[in-house]
Amino acid sequence: RKTSFLLDSLGKQVFSKLVRIDERPFE
């Protein structure tokens, strides 16, 4: 819908380099 400030952000630097986020559905 283009209602995001992070359009086309895939593969781009958004956070500082120390940030890592994972999705863990099987906990």
PDB file of all heavy atoms in Angstrom:
ATOM      1  N   ARG A   1       0.824  -1.217   0.000  1.00  0.00           N
ATOM      2  CA  ARG A   1       0.000   0.000   0.000  1.00  0.00           C
ATOM      3  C   ARG A   1       0.855   1.263   0.000  1.00  0.00           C
ATOM      4  O   ARG A   1       0.329   2.375  -0.074  1.00  0.00           O
ATOM      5  CB  ARG A   1      -0.926   0.022   1.223  1.00  0.00           C
ATOM      6  CG  ARG A   1      -1.968  -1.085   1.238  1.00  0.00           C
ATOM      7  CD  ARG A   1      -2.923  -0.919   2.409  1.00  0.00           C
ATOM      8  NE  ARG A   1      -3.839  -2.029   2.518  1.00  0.00           N
ATOM      9  CZ  ARG A   1      -3.669  -3.067   3.345  1.00  0.00           C
ATOM     10  NH1 ARG A   1      -2.598  -3.116   4.140  1.00  0.00           N
ATOM     11  NH2 ARG A   1      -4.542  -4.053   3.376  1.00  0.00           N
ATOM     12  N   LYS A   2       2.166   1.086   0.155  1.00  0.00           N
ATOM     13  CA  LYS A   2       3.125   2.194   0.190  1.00  0.00           C
ATOM     14  C   LYS A   2       2.851   3.146   1.347  1.00  0.00           C
ATOM     15  O   LYS A   2       2.944   4.379   1.217  1.00  0.00           O
ATOM     16  CB  LYS A   2       3.148   2.938  -1.146  1.00  0.00           C
ATOM     17  CG  LYS A   2       3.555   2.040  -2.308  1.00  0.00           C
ATOM     18  CD  LYS A   2       3.776   2.829  -3.576  1.00  0.00           C
ATOM     19  CE  LYS A   2       4.125   1.901  -4.746  1.00  0.00           C
ATOM     20  NZ  LYS A   2       5.329   1.080  -4.500  1.00  0.00           N
ATOM     21  N   THR A   3       2.511   2.557   2.492  1.00  0.00           N
ATOM     22  CA  THR A   3       2.295   3.339   3.715  1.00  0.00           C
ATOM     23  C   THR A   3       3.379   3.016   4.738  1.00  0.00           C
ATOM     24  O   THR A   3       3.105   2.884   5.921  1.00  0.00           O
ATOM     25  CB  THR A   3       0.906   3.052   4.309  1.00  0.00           C
ATOM     26  OG1 THR A   3       0.768   1.632   4.529  1.00  0.00           O
ATOM     27  CG2 THR A   3      -0.194   3.523   3.381  1.00  0.00           C
ATOM     28  N   SER A   4       4.601   2.874   4.277  1.00  0.00           N
ATOM     29  CA  SER A   4       5.721   2.512   5.135  1.00  0.00           C
ATOM     30  C   SER A   4       6.922   3.397   4.837  1.00  0.00           C
ATOM     31  O   SER A   4       7.183   3.740   3.670  1.00  0.00           O
ATOM     32  CB  SER A   4       6.097   1.042   4.925  1.00  0.00           C
ATOM     33  OG  SER A   4       7.355   0.762   5.516  1.00  0.00           O
ATOM     34  N   PHE A   5       7.677   3.744   5.871  1.00  0.00           N
ATOM     35  CA  PHE A   5       8.906   4.509   5.686  1.00  0.00           C
ATOM     36  C   PHE A   5      10.077   3.610   5.291  1.00  0.00           C
ATOM     37  O   PHE A   5      11.187   4.103   5.080  1.00  0.00           O
ATOM     38  CB  PHE A   5       9.238   5.307   6.955  1.00  0.00           C
ATOM     39  CG  PHE A   5       9.618   4.464   8.142  1.00  0.00           C
ATOM     40  CD1 PHE A   5      10.946   4.202   8.435  1.00  0.00           C
ATOM     41  CD2 PHE A   5       8.640   3.938   8.979  1.00  0.00           C
ATOM     42  CE1 PHE A   5      11.300   3.428   9.531  1.00  0.00           C
ATOM     43  CE2 PHE A   5       8.986   3.171  10.079  1.00  0.00           C
ATOM     44  CZ  PHE A   5      10.317   2.910  10.359  1.00  0.00           C
ATOM     45  N   LEU A   6       9.832   2.298   5.189  1.00  0.00           N
ATOM     46  CA  LEU A   6      10.890   1.367   4.810  1.00  0.00           C
ATOM     47  C   LEU A   6      10.566   0.642   3.502  1.00  0.00           C
ATOM     48  O   LEU A   6      10.834  -0.548   3.357  1.00  0.00           O
ATOM     49  CB  LEU A   6      11.147   0.353   5.935  1.00  0.00           C
ATOM     50  CG  LEU A   6      11.775   0.916   7.214  1.00  0.00           C
ATOM     51  CD1 LEU A   6      11.975  -0.182   8.248  1.00  0.00           C
ATOM     52  CD2 LEU A   6      13.094   1.619   6.919  1.00  0.00           C
ATOM     53  N   LEU A   7      10.008   1.362   2.528  1.00  0.00           N
ATOM     54  CA  LEU A   7       9.742   0.773   1.221  1.00  0.00           C
ATOM     55  C   LEU A   7      11.059   0.341   0.568  1.00  0.00           C
ATOM     56  O   LEU A   7      12.090   1.010   0.697  1.00  0.00           O
ATOM     57  CB  LEU A   7       9.033   1.781   0.318  1.00  0.00           C
ATOM     58  CG  LEU A   7       7.638   2.251   0.749  1.00  0.00           C
ATOM     59  CD1 LEU A   7       7.136   3.315  -0.219  1.00  0.00           C
ATOM     60  CD2 LEU A   7       6.672   1.083   0.822  1.00  0.00           C
ATOM     61  N   ASP A   8      11.019  -0.815  -0.094  1.00  0.00           N
ATOM     62  CA  ASP A   8      12.187  -1.317  -0.833  1.00  0.00           C
ATOM     63  C   ASP A   8      13.432  -1.408   0.049  1.00  0.00           C
ATOM     64  O   ASP A   8      14.545  -1.136  -0.392  1.00  0.00           O
ATOM     65  CB  ASP A   8      12.485  -0.422  -2.044  1.00  0.00           C
ATOM     66  CG  ASP A   8      11.296  -0.308  -2.985  1.00  0.00           C
ATOM     67  OD1 ASP A   8      10.677  -1.350  -3.275  1.00  0.00           O
ATOM     68  OD2 ASP A   8      10.991   0.812  -3.414  1.00  0.00           O
ATOM     69  N   SER A   9      13.238  -1.800   1.298  1.00  0.00           N
ATOM     70  CA  SER A   9      14.375  -1.855   2.240  1.00  0.00           C
ATOM     71  C   SER A   9      15.073  -3.210   2.259  1.00  0.00           C
ATOM     72  O   SER A   9      16.105  -3.357   2.917  1.00  0.00           O
ATOM     73  CB  SER A   9      13.900  -1.513   3.655  1.00  0.00           C
ATOM     74  OG  SER A   9      12.865  -2.397   4.073  1.00  0.00           O
ATOM     75  N   LEU A  10      14.536  -4.209   1.551  1.00  0.00           N
ATOM     76  CA  LEU A  10      15.151  -5.538   1.554  1.00  0.00           C
ATOM     77  C   LEU A  10      16.586  -5.449   1.019  1.00  0.00           C
ATOM     78  O   LEU A  10      16.835  -4.901  -0.058  1.00  0.00           O
ATOM     79  CB  LEU A  10      14.324  -6.485   0.696  1.00  0.00           C
ATOM     80  CG  LEU A  10      14.475  -7.983   0.965  1.00  0.00           C
ATOM     81  CD1 LEU A  10      14.025  -8.335   2.370  1.00  0.00           C
ATOM     82  CD2 LEU A  10      13.660  -8.788  -0.046  1.00  0.00           C
ATOM     83  N   GLY A  11      17.515  -5.954   1.800  1.00  0.00           N
ATOM     84  CA  GLY A  11      18.916  -5.926   1.409  1.00  0.00           C
ATOM     85  C   GLY A  11      19.629  -4.629   1.708  1.00  0.00           C
ATOM     86  O   GLY A  11      20.798  -4.467   1.341  1.00  0.00           O
ATOM     87  N   LYS A  12      18.938  -3.715   2.396  1.00  0.00           N
ATOM     88  CA  LYS A  12      19.536  -2.410   2.682  1.00  0.00           C
ATOM     89  C   LYS A  12      19.825  -2.240   4.173  1.00  0.00           C
ATOM     90  O   LYS A  12      19.173  -2.845   5.020  1.00  0.00           O
ATOM     91  CB  LYS A  12      18.614  -1.293   2.197  1.00  0.00           C
ATOM     92  CG  LYS A  12      18.414  -1.289   0.687  1.00  0.00           C
ATOM     93  CD  LYS A  12      17.501  -0.170   0.260  1.00  0.00           C
ATOM     94  CE  LYS A  12      17.287  -0.176  -1.255  1.00  0.00           C
ATOM     95  NZ  LYS A  12      16.357   0.896  -1.698  1.00  0.00           N
ATOM     96  N   GLN A  13      20.805  -1.392   4.476  1.00  0.00           N
ATOM     97  CA  GLN A  13      21.178  -1.094   5.855  1.00  0.00           C
ATOM     98  C   GLN A  13      20.119  -0.187   6.465  1.00  0.00           C
ATOM     99  O   GLN A  13      19.925   0.945   6.023  1.00  0.00           O
ATOM    100  CB  GLN A  13      22.533  -0.398   5.897  1.00  0.00           C
ATOM    101  CG  GLN A  13      23.110  -0.229   7.286  1.00  0.00           C
ATOM    102  CD  GLN A  13      23.952  -1.420   7.713  1.00  0.00           C
ATOM    103  OE1 GLN A  13      24.598  -2.042   6.873  1.00  0.00           O
ATOM    104  NE2 GLN A  13      23.944  -1.735   8.987  1.00  0.00           N
ATOM    105  N   VAL A  14      19.431  -0.679   7.495  1.00  0.00           N
ATOM    106  CA  VAL A  14      18.405   0.090   8.171  1.00  0.00           C
ATOM    107  C   VAL A  14      18.807   0.377   9.610  1.00  0.00           C
ATOM    108  O   VAL A  14      18.587   1.478  10.121  1.00  0.00           O
ATOM    109  CB  VAL A  14      17.044  -0.641   8.118  1.00  0.00           C
ATOM    110  CG1 VAL A  14      16.041  -0.012   9.067  1.00  0.00           C
ATOM    111  CG2 VAL A  14      16.497  -0.622   6.697  1.00  0.00           C
ATOM    112  N   PHE A  15      19.389  -0.607  10.279  1.00  0.00           N
ATOM    113  CA  PHE A  15      19.848  -0.462  11.657  1.00  0.00           C
ATOM    114  C   PHE A  15      21.370  -0.290  11.687  1.00  0.00           C
ATOM    115  O   PHE A  15      22.050  -0.473  10.675  1.00  0.00           O
ATOM    116  CB  PHE A  15      19.490  -1.700  12.477  1.00  0.00           C
ATOM    117  CG  PHE A  15      18.017  -1.879  12.731  1.00  0.00           C
ATOM    118  CD1 PHE A  15      17.231  -2.613  11.853  1.00  0.00           C
ATOM    119  CD2 PHE A  15      17.414  -1.330  13.850  1.00  0.00           C
ATOM    120  CE1 PHE A  15      15.873  -2.799  12.086  1.00  0.00           C
ATOM    121  CE2 PHE A  15      16.059  -1.507  14.096  1.00  0.00           C
ATOM    122  CZ  PHE A  15      15.293  -2.245  13.213  1.00  0.00           C
ATOM    123  N   SER A  16      21.877   0.038  12.872  1.00  0.00           N
ATOM    124  CA  SER A  16      23.321   0.006  13.054  1.00  0.00           C
ATOM    125  C   SER A  16      23.799  -1.433  12.913  1.00  0.00           C
ATOM    126  O   SER A  16      23.019  -2.377  13.056  1.00  0.00           O
ATOM    127  CB  SER A  16      23.700   0.556  14.432  1.00  0.00           C
ATOM    128  OG  SER A  16      23.276  -0.330  15.460  1.00  0.00           O
ATOM    129  N   LYS A  17      25.070  -1.601  12.645  1.00  0.00           N
ATOM    130  CA  LYS A  17      25.603  -2.923  12.323  1.00  0.00           C
ATOM    131  C   LYS A  17      25.537  -3.915  13.484  1.00  0.00           C
ATOM    132  O   LYS A  17      25.653  -5.116  13.267  1.00  0.00           O
ATOM    133  CB  LYS A  17      27.038  -2.792  11.829  1.00  0.00           C
ATOM    134  CG  LYS A  17      27.150  -2.124  10.463  1.00  0.00           C
ATOM    135  CD  LYS A  17      28.579  -2.112   9.954  1.00  0.00           C
ATOM    136  CE  LYS A  17      28.647  -1.492   8.566  1.00  0.00           C
ATOM    137  NZ  LYS A  17      30.037  -1.482   8.022  1.00  0.00           N
ATOM    138  N   LEU A  18      25.326  -3.433  14.694  1.00  0.00           N
ATOM    139  CA  LEU A  18      25.294  -4.364  15.831  1.00  0.00           C
ATOM    140  C   LEU A  18      23.936  -5.038  16.006  1.00  0.00           C
ATOM    141  O   LEU A  18      23.778  -5.934  16.835  1.00  0.00           O
ATOM    142  CB  LEU A  18      25.702  -3.656  17.121  1.00  0.00           C
ATOM    143  CG  LEU A  18      24.834  -2.500  17.633  1.00  0.00           C
ATOM    144  CD1 LEU A  18      23.646  -2.990  18.443  1.00  0.00           C
ATOM    145  CD2 LEU A  18      25.673  -1.550  18.467  1.00  0.00           C
ATOM    146  N   VAL A  19      22.929  -4.639  15.202  1.00  0.00           N
ATOM    147  CA  VAL A  19      21.566  -5.161  15.384  1.00  0.00           C
ATOM    148  C   VAL A  19      21.361  -6.425  14.566  1.00  0.00           C
ATOM    149  O   VAL A  19      21.615  -6.465  13.364  1.00  0.00           O
ATOM    150  CB  VAL A  19      20.519  -4.101  14.995  1.00  0.00           C
ATOM    151  CG1 VAL A  19      19.115  -4.707  15.023  1.00  0.00           C
ATOM    152  CG2 VAL A  19      20.598  -2.912  15.941  1.00  0.00           C
ATOM    153  N   ARG A  20      20.856  -7.455  15.268  1.00  0.00           N
ATOM    154  CA  ARG A  20      20.481  -8.721  14.635  1.00  0.00           C
ATOM    155  C   ARG A  20      19.117  -9.136  15.182  1.00  0.00           C
ATOM    156  O   ARG A  20      18.898  -9.183  16.396  1.00  0.00           O
ATOM    157  CB  ARG A  20      21.519  -9.799  14.928  1.00  0.00           C
ATOM    158  CG  ARG A  20      21.078 -11.201  14.535  1.00  0.00           C
ATOM    159  CD  ARG A  20      22.175 -12.211  14.750  1.00  0.00           C
ATOM    160  NE  ARG A  20      21.700 -13.573  14.540  1.00  0.00           N
ATOM    161  CZ  ARG A  20      22.474 -14.636  14.421  1.00  0.00           C
ATOM    162  NH1 ARG A  20      23.791 -14.501  14.484  1.00  0.00           N
ATOM    163  NH2 ARG A  20      21.963 -15.837  14.233  1.00  0.00           N
ATOM    164  N   ILE A  21      18.196  -9.426  14.278  1.00  0.00           N
ATOM    165  CA  ILE A  21      16.854  -9.866  14.661  1.00  0.00           C
ATOM    166  C   ILE A  21      16.544 -11.169  13.939  1.00  0.00           C
ATOM    167  O   ILE A  21      16.737 -11.272  12.722  1.00  0.00           O
ATOM    168  CB  ILE A  21      15.795  -8.802  14.313  1.00  0.00           C
ATOM    169  CG1 ILE A  21      16.091  -7.480  15.021  1.00  0.00           C
ATOM    170  CG2 ILE A  21      14.398  -9.298  14.699  1.00  0.00           C
ATOM    171  CD1 ILE A  21      15.158  -6.342  14.627  1.00  0.00           C
ATOM    172  N   ASP A  22      16.071 -12.162  14.677  1.00  0.00           N
ATOM    173  CA  ASP A  22      15.708 -13.457  14.114  1.00  0.00           C
ATOM    174  C   ASP A  22      14.253 -13.772  14.396  1.00  0.00           C
ATOM    175  O   ASP A  22      13.687 -13.338  15.413  1.00  0.00           O
ATOM    176  CB  ASP A  22      16.572 -14.566  14.713  1.00  0.00           C
ATOM    177  CG  ASP A  22      18.034 -14.453  14.316  1.00  0.00           C
ATOM    178  OD1 ASP A  22      18.319 -14.492  13.117  1.00  0.00           O
ATOM    179  OD2 ASP A  22      18.888 -14.305  15.209  1.00  0.00           O
ATOM    180  N   GLU A  23      13.657 -14.557  13.503  1.00  0.00           N
ATOM    181  CA  GLU A  23      12.317 -15.096  13.733  1.00  0.00           C
ATOM    182  C   GLU A  23      12.462 -16.576  14.060  1.00  0.00           C
ATOM    183  O   GLU A  23      13.074 -17.325  13.298  1.00  0.00           O
ATOM    184  CB  GLU A  23      11.428 -14.912  12.509  1.00  0.00           C
ATOM    185  CG  GLU A  23       9.985 -15.374  12.760  1.00  0.00           C
ATOM    186  CD  GLU A  23       9.063 -15.103  11.588  1.00  0.00           C
ATOM    187  OE1 GLU A  23       9.539 -15.123  10.442  1.00  0.00           O
ATOM    188  OE2 GLU A  23       7.863 -14.886  11.832  1.00  0.00           O
ATOM    189  N   ARG A  24      11.894 -16.979  15.213  1.00  0.00           N
ATOM    190  CA  ARG A  24      12.072 -18.345  15.704  1.00  0.00           C
ATOM    191  C   ARG A  24      10.713 -18.971  16.034  1.00  0.00           C
ATOM    192  O   ARG A  24      10.288 -19.008  17.194  1.00  0.00           O
ATOM    193  CB  ARG A  24      12.969 -18.355  16.944  1.00  0.00           C
ATOM    194  CG  ARG A  24      14.364 -17.788  16.672  1.00  0.00           C
ATOM    195  CD  ARG A  24      15.205 -17.727  17.924  1.00  0.00           C
ATOM    196  NE  ARG A  24      16.515 -17.129  17.658  1.00  0.00           N
ATOM    197  CZ  ARG A  24      17.399 -16.811  18.609  1.00  0.00           C
ATOM    198  NH1 ARG A  24      17.097 -17.009  19.885  1.00  0.00           N
ATOM    199  NH2 ARG A  24      18.557 -16.266  18.281  1.00  0.00           N
ATOM    200  N   PRO A  25      10.027 -19.495  15.039  1.00  0.00           N
ATOM    201  CA  PRO A  25       8.660 -19.996  15.247  1.00  0.00           C
ATOM    202  C   PRO A  25       8.576 -21.303  16.011  1.00  0.00           C
ATOM    203  O   PRO A  25       7.486 -21.685  16.450  1.00  0.00           O
ATOM    204  CB  PRO A  25       8.132 -20.168  13.824  1.00  0.00           C
ATOM    205  CG  PRO A  25       9.353 -20.376  12.995  1.00  0.00           C
ATOM    206  CD  PRO A  25      10.426 -19.551  13.621  1.00  0.00           C
ATOM    207  N   PHE A  26       9.700 -22.011  16.181  1.00  0.00           N
ATOM    208  CA  PHE A  26       9.630 -23.347  16.764  1.00  0.00           C
ATOM    209  C   PHE A  26      10.074 -23.398  18.223  1.00  0.00           C
ATOM    210  O   PHE A  26      10.355 -24.479  18.753  1.00  0.00           O
ATOM    211  CB  PHE A  26      10.463 -24.327  15.933  1.00  0.00           C
ATOM    212  CG  PHE A  26      10.051 -24.373  14.495  1.00  0.00           C
ATOM    213  CD1 PHE A  26      10.954 -24.066  13.488  1.00  0.00           C
ATOM    214  CD2 PHE A  26       8.755 -24.689  14.132  1.00  0.00           C
ATOM    215  CE1 PHE A  26      10.582 -24.092  12.159  1.00  0.00           C
ATOM    216  CE2 PHE A  26       8.364 -24.718  12.805  1.00  0.00           C
ATOM    217  CZ  PHE A  26       9.272 -24.418  11.812  1.00  0.00           C
ATOM    218  N   GLU A  27      10.145 -22.255  18.895  1.00  0.00           N
ATOM    219  CA  GLU A  27      10.503 -22.266  20.311  1.00  0.00           C
ATOM    220  C   GLU A  27       9.406 -22.974  21.104  1.00  0.00           C
ATOM    221  O   GLU A  27       8.231 -22.611  21.028  1.00  0.00           O
ATOM    222  CB  GLU A  27      10.678 -20.846  20.825  1.00  0.00           C
ATOM    223  CG  GLU A  27      11.931 -20.157  20.313  1.00  0.00           C
ATOM    224  CD  GLU A  27      12.177 -18.828  21.001  1.00  0.00           C
ATOM    225  OE1 GLU A  27      11.280 -18.359  21.738  1.00  0.00           O
ATOM    226  OE2 GLU A  27      13.271 -18.260  20.807  1.00  0.00           O
TER     227      GLU A  27
END
